[in-house]
Structure formats: structure tokens, C-alpha cells
N, C-alpha and C. Protein backbone atom coordinates (compact mmCIF):
# COMPACT_ATOMS: atom_id res chain seq x y z
N LEU A 1 41.62 259.61 274.34
CA LEU A 1 40.53 260.57 274.43
C LEU A 1 40.14 261.01 273.02
N ASP A 2 38.91 260.75 272.61
CA ASP A 2 38.41 261.16 271.29
C ASP A 2 37.79 262.54 271.39
N ARG A 3 38.05 263.35 270.36
CA ARG A 3 37.39 264.65 270.29
C ARG A 3 37.26 265.06 268.83
N VAL A 4 36.34 265.94 268.56
CA VAL A 4 36.12 266.46 267.21
C VAL A 4 37.05 267.64 267.00
N LEU A 5 37.80 267.61 265.89
CA LEU A 5 38.70 268.70 265.57
C LEU A 5 37.95 269.85 264.91
N SER A 6 38.33 271.06 265.25
CA SER A 6 37.72 272.24 264.63
C SER A 6 38.61 272.74 263.51
N THR A 7 38.14 273.71 262.76
CA THR A 7 38.94 274.32 261.69
C THR A 7 40.23 274.89 262.25
N ASN A 8 40.17 275.52 263.41
CA ASN A 8 41.36 276.11 264.01
C ASN A 8 42.40 275.05 264.42
N ASP A 9 41.95 273.84 264.71
CA ASP A 9 42.89 272.75 265.00
C ASP A 9 43.62 272.32 263.72
N LEU A 10 42.95 272.38 262.61
CA LEU A 10 43.49 271.88 261.35
C LEU A 10 44.30 272.92 260.59
N VAL A 11 43.93 274.20 260.70
CA VAL A 11 44.58 275.27 259.94
C VAL A 11 44.92 276.40 260.89
N THR A 12 46.21 276.74 260.98
CA THR A 12 46.62 277.80 261.91
C THR A 12 47.12 279.05 261.18
N SER A 13 46.94 279.11 259.87
CA SER A 13 47.39 280.24 259.06
C SER A 13 46.20 280.87 258.36
N ASP A 14 46.37 282.13 257.95
CA ASP A 14 45.31 282.77 257.17
C ASP A 14 45.55 282.57 255.67
N ASN A 15 46.54 281.76 255.31
CA ASN A 15 46.86 281.50 253.91
C ASN A 15 46.90 279.99 253.68
N CYS A 16 45.74 279.40 253.44
CA CYS A 16 45.69 277.97 253.19
C CYS A 16 44.90 277.71 251.91
N TYR A 17 45.11 276.52 251.36
CA TYR A 17 44.44 276.09 250.16
C TYR A 17 43.63 274.84 250.46
N PHE A 18 42.55 274.68 249.72
CA PHE A 18 41.74 273.47 249.79
C PHE A 18 41.43 273.07 248.36
N ALA A 19 41.56 271.78 248.07
CA ALA A 19 41.22 271.27 246.74
C ALA A 19 40.51 269.94 246.88
N ALA A 20 39.52 269.73 246.03
CA ALA A 20 38.77 268.46 246.03
C ALA A 20 38.33 268.16 244.61
N THR A 21 38.28 266.86 244.28
CA THR A 21 37.78 266.40 242.99
C THR A 21 36.64 265.44 243.26
N GLY A 22 35.54 265.62 242.53
CA GLY A 22 34.38 264.74 242.70
C GLY A 22 34.67 263.34 242.19
N ILE A 23 34.28 262.35 242.95
CA ILE A 23 34.38 260.95 242.53
C ILE A 23 33.00 260.47 242.09
N THR A 24 31.99 260.73 242.92
CA THR A 24 30.61 260.46 242.56
C THR A 24 29.86 261.80 242.58
N ASP A 25 28.73 261.88 241.90
CA ASP A 25 27.96 263.13 241.87
C ASP A 25 27.52 263.53 243.27
N GLY A 26 27.61 264.82 243.55
CA GLY A 26 27.17 265.34 244.83
C GLY A 26 26.59 266.73 244.64
N ASP A 27 26.27 267.40 245.75
CA ASP A 27 25.69 268.73 245.70
C ASP A 27 26.69 269.78 245.21
N LEU A 28 27.97 269.57 245.44
CA LEU A 28 28.99 270.55 245.09
C LEU A 28 29.70 270.24 243.78
N LEU A 29 30.03 268.98 243.56
CA LEU A 29 30.83 268.58 242.39
C LEU A 29 30.20 267.42 241.64
N LYS A 30 30.45 267.38 240.34
CA LYS A 30 30.05 266.23 239.53
C LYS A 30 31.07 265.12 239.75
N GLY A 31 30.63 263.90 239.60
CA GLY A 31 31.53 262.76 239.71
C GLY A 31 32.27 262.51 238.41
N VAL A 32 33.16 261.53 238.42
CA VAL A 32 33.92 261.16 237.22
C VAL A 32 32.95 260.63 236.17
N ARG A 33 33.16 261.10 234.94
CA ARG A 33 32.32 260.69 233.82
C ARG A 33 33.21 260.17 232.69
N TYR A 34 32.69 259.22 231.94
CA TYR A 34 33.43 258.63 230.82
C TYR A 34 32.66 258.93 229.54
N ASP A 35 33.38 259.40 228.50
CA ASP A 35 32.71 259.78 227.26
C ASP A 35 33.68 259.59 226.09
N LYS A 36 33.43 258.60 225.25
CA LYS A 36 34.17 258.39 224.00
C LYS A 36 35.68 258.48 224.17
N GLY A 37 36.24 257.71 225.06
CA GLY A 37 37.68 257.68 225.25
C GLY A 37 38.23 258.79 226.12
N ARG A 38 37.34 259.56 226.71
CA ARG A 38 37.77 260.64 227.61
C ARG A 38 37.26 260.37 229.02
N VAL A 39 38.01 260.82 230.00
CA VAL A 39 37.58 260.78 231.40
C VAL A 39 37.41 262.24 231.81
N LEU A 40 36.21 262.61 232.26
CA LEU A 40 35.89 263.99 232.62
C LEU A 40 35.79 264.12 234.13
N THR A 41 36.45 265.14 234.68
CA THR A 41 36.42 265.37 236.13
C THR A 41 36.08 266.82 236.41
N GLN A 42 35.59 267.06 237.63
CA GLN A 42 35.34 268.42 238.09
C GLN A 42 35.96 268.57 239.48
N SER A 43 36.71 269.65 239.66
CA SER A 43 37.39 269.92 240.92
C SER A 43 37.07 271.33 241.40
N ILE A 44 37.30 271.58 242.68
CA ILE A 44 37.20 272.91 243.26
C ILE A 44 38.51 273.20 243.98
N VAL A 45 39.00 274.42 243.82
CA VAL A 45 40.22 274.88 244.48
C VAL A 45 39.89 276.20 245.16
N MET A 46 40.19 276.30 246.46
CA MET A 46 39.89 277.53 247.20
C MET A 46 41.14 278.00 247.93
N ARG A 47 41.29 279.31 248.01
CA ARG A 47 42.40 279.93 248.76
C ARG A 47 41.79 280.89 249.77
N SER A 48 42.15 280.71 251.03
CA SER A 48 41.55 281.52 252.09
C SER A 48 41.98 282.98 252.04
N LYS A 49 43.26 283.25 251.81
CA LYS A 49 43.77 284.61 251.89
C LYS A 49 43.11 285.54 250.87
N SER A 50 42.95 285.07 249.64
CA SER A 50 42.36 285.90 248.59
C SER A 50 40.85 285.71 248.46
N GLY A 51 40.34 284.64 249.05
CA GLY A 51 38.91 284.33 248.90
C GLY A 51 38.57 283.75 247.53
N THR A 52 39.58 283.35 246.78
CA THR A 52 39.37 282.81 245.45
C THR A 52 38.77 281.41 245.51
N VAL A 53 37.77 281.18 244.66
CA VAL A 53 37.18 279.86 244.48
C VAL A 53 37.19 279.56 242.99
N ARG A 54 37.80 278.46 242.63
CA ARG A 54 37.87 278.07 241.22
C ARG A 54 37.27 276.69 241.03
N PHE A 55 36.51 276.53 239.97
CA PHE A 55 36.04 275.22 239.54
C PHE A 55 36.85 274.85 238.32
N VAL A 56 37.39 273.64 238.31
CA VAL A 56 38.25 273.18 237.22
C VAL A 56 37.59 271.97 236.56
N GLU A 57 37.36 272.09 235.26
CA GLU A 57 36.83 270.98 234.47
C GLU A 57 38.03 270.30 233.81
N GLY A 58 38.23 269.03 234.10
CA GLY A 58 39.36 268.30 233.52
C GLY A 58 38.90 267.32 232.47
N GLU A 59 39.69 267.23 231.40
CA GLU A 59 39.43 266.24 230.35
C GLU A 59 40.71 265.43 230.19
N HIS A 60 40.64 264.15 230.48
CA HIS A 60 41.80 263.27 230.47
C HIS A 60 41.60 262.23 229.37
N GLN A 61 42.65 261.95 228.61
CA GLN A 61 42.58 260.96 227.54
C GLN A 61 42.74 259.57 228.14
N ALA A 62 41.72 258.74 227.99
CA ALA A 62 41.69 257.42 228.63
C ALA A 62 42.87 256.56 228.21
N HIS A 63 43.27 256.60 226.94
CA HIS A 63 44.37 255.73 226.49
C HIS A 63 45.69 256.10 227.17
N LYS A 64 45.89 257.35 227.54
CA LYS A 64 47.11 257.73 228.25
C LYS A 64 47.08 257.20 229.68
N TRP A 65 45.93 257.17 230.31
CA TRP A 65 45.82 256.63 231.67
C TRP A 65 46.10 255.13 231.67
N GLU A 66 45.62 254.44 230.65
CA GLU A 66 45.87 252.99 230.56
C GLU A 66 47.36 252.71 230.43
N THR A 67 48.06 253.49 229.62
CA THR A 67 49.51 253.33 229.45
C THR A 67 50.22 253.61 230.77
N TYR A 68 49.84 254.68 231.44
CA TYR A 68 50.46 255.05 232.71
C TYR A 68 50.24 253.97 233.77
N ALA A 69 49.04 253.41 233.84
CA ALA A 69 48.71 252.40 234.86
C ALA A 69 49.53 251.14 234.67
N ARG A 70 49.85 250.80 233.42
CA ARG A 70 50.66 249.59 233.16
C ARG A 70 52.09 249.77 233.68
N ARG A 71 52.61 251.00 233.65
CA ARG A 71 53.98 251.27 234.11
C ARG A 71 54.08 251.26 235.63
N ALA A 72 53.02 251.61 236.31
CA ALA A 72 53.05 251.76 237.78
C ALA A 72 53.19 250.43 238.50
């Protein structure tokens, strides 16, 4: 039996977190961008209990990601 899940099905507490990082540009977040050896990301983090909404701008050094990927 298929059915659509509601928020109450997914979260049963008044203290939950949600986080997302943009992959491609959208209405809410910018997608991953590359600039002179840097990888730039934008994320959103929300907490229901406090009502806090944070936008996080990340700057990642591309050469470190390349080294990490070779080890994995």
C-alpha cells in the first residue's frame, strides 16, 4: 500500500534538525561553485525547538579534496 508521508510521520519530536547543501542552483540555495582552486558551497541548517535558521557558506580547498579522494 503506497501513501504519502506527512511531517508528523517523519518527525515525532519538537526538537529536530534539518540540514541541506545545494548541489545545483535553486530558489533556496546556491549550487557548488569552483573558483581558483576552491570549492564553494552553501548550506542551510534549521532547528525546530529554537526556530534557528542558519546559512553556512563553505570554502573548501580543492587540492585537499583530491588527496582525500585518492585515499578512499
